[in-house]
Amino acid sequence: MMAAYGTLPAGSRTELVDRFTIEVPDEEIERMHTLVKLSGVASPSYENSFPVEKRDLGLSREWLIEAKRSWEAFDW
């Protein structure tokens, strides 16, 4: 997979930035997809059951489940 870097924000000092491309072999993308798919989310517990907005004890289980879904659906 080969993609050019995106558009710079308005007002950026373009003389300080060099355009580049990144190449990631399809095998590595497939490996990442497999790892995300196979990764588990911890069972519900006191610490991970707080609302998404309250992060006193870290990320909520609900947030992690939604993040995993997003990564699984992402077009790598």
Protein backbone atom coordinates (compact mmCIF):
# COMPACT_ATOMS: atom_id res chain seq x y z
CA MET A 1 0.00 0.00 0.00
CA MET A 2 1.35 3.40 -0.91
CA ALA A 3 -0.24 6.74 -0.03
CA ALA A 4 1.01 10.32 -0.09
CA TYR A 5 0.91 12.37 3.07
CA GLY A 6 -2.24 14.48 3.43
CA THR A 7 -2.80 18.21 3.08
CA LEU A 8 -1.12 20.59 5.50
CA PRO A 9 -3.28 22.80 7.72
CA ALA A 10 -3.89 26.37 6.56
CA GLY A 11 -1.15 28.73 7.69
CA SER A 12 1.53 26.03 7.94
CA ARG A 13 5.09 27.07 7.16
CA THR A 14 5.59 24.84 4.14
CA GLU A 15 9.30 25.61 3.87
CA LEU A 16 9.80 23.57 7.07
CA VAL A 17 7.96 20.48 5.81
CA ASP A 18 9.12 17.87 3.32
CA ARG A 19 6.54 15.76 1.51
CA PHE A 20 6.99 12.03 2.01
CA THR A 21 5.25 8.74 1.34
CA ILE A 22 4.98 5.69 3.51
CA GLU A 23 4.94 2.12 2.30
CA VAL A 24 3.63 -0.68 4.47
CA PRO A 25 3.68 -4.20 3.02
CA ASP A 26 0.23 -5.79 2.67
CA GLU A 27 1.42 -8.65 4.90
CA GLU A 28 2.02 -6.22 7.78
CA ILE A 29 -1.39 -4.65 7.32
CA GLU A 30 -3.00 -8.09 7.36
CA ARG A 31 -0.98 -8.98 10.48
CA MET A 32 -2.19 -5.81 12.24
CA HIS A 33 -5.78 -6.56 11.23
CA THR A 34 -5.46 -10.10 12.60
CA LEU A 35 -3.95 -8.89 15.89
CA VAL A 36 -6.73 -6.35 16.40
CA LYS A 37 -9.37 -8.96 15.56
CA LEU A 38 -7.89 -11.52 17.98
CA SER A 39 -7.23 -9.10 20.83
CA GLY A 40 -9.61 -9.38 23.72
CA VAL A 41 -11.27 -6.83 25.96
CA ALA A 42 -11.24 -7.51 29.70
CA SER A 43 -14.38 -8.77 31.39
CA PRO A 44 -16.51 -6.17 33.17
CA SER A 45 -15.09 -5.06 36.50
CA TYR A 46 -15.50 -2.19 38.94
CA GLU A 47 -12.53 -0.37 37.44
CA ASN A 48 -13.64 -0.53 33.79
CA SER A 49 -17.37 0.02 34.31
CA PHE A 50 -17.39 3.79 34.82
CA PRO A 51 -19.02 6.02 32.17
CA VAL A 52 -16.82 6.85 29.17
CA GLU A 53 -16.44 10.48 30.33
CA LYS A 54 -15.08 9.50 33.77
CA ARG A 55 -11.49 8.28 33.40
CA ASP A 56 -10.31 8.31 37.01
CA LEU A 57 -9.38 4.62 36.75
CA GLY A 58 -8.41 4.55 33.08
CA LEU A 59 -10.40 3.79 29.96
CA SER A 60 -13.84 2.25 30.25
CA ARG A 61 -14.61 -1.18 28.86
CA GLU A 62 -17.29 0.43 26.67
CA TRP A 63 -14.70 2.79 25.15
CA LEU A 64 -12.29 -0.09 24.46
CA ILE A 65 -14.99 -2.17 22.77
CA GLU A 66 -15.94 0.75 20.54
CA ALA A 67 -12.27 1.49 19.73
CA LYS A 68 -11.71 -2.15 18.78
CA ARG A 69 -14.79 -2.08 16.51
CA SER A 70 -13.49 1.07 14.83
CA TRP A 71 -10.04 -0.44 14.24
CA GLU A 72 -11.56 -3.65 12.86
CA ALA A 73 -13.67 -1.64 10.40
CA PHE A 74 -10.83 0.73 9.42
CA ASP A 75 -9.72 0.53 5.79
CA TRP A 76 -6.02 -0.20 6.29
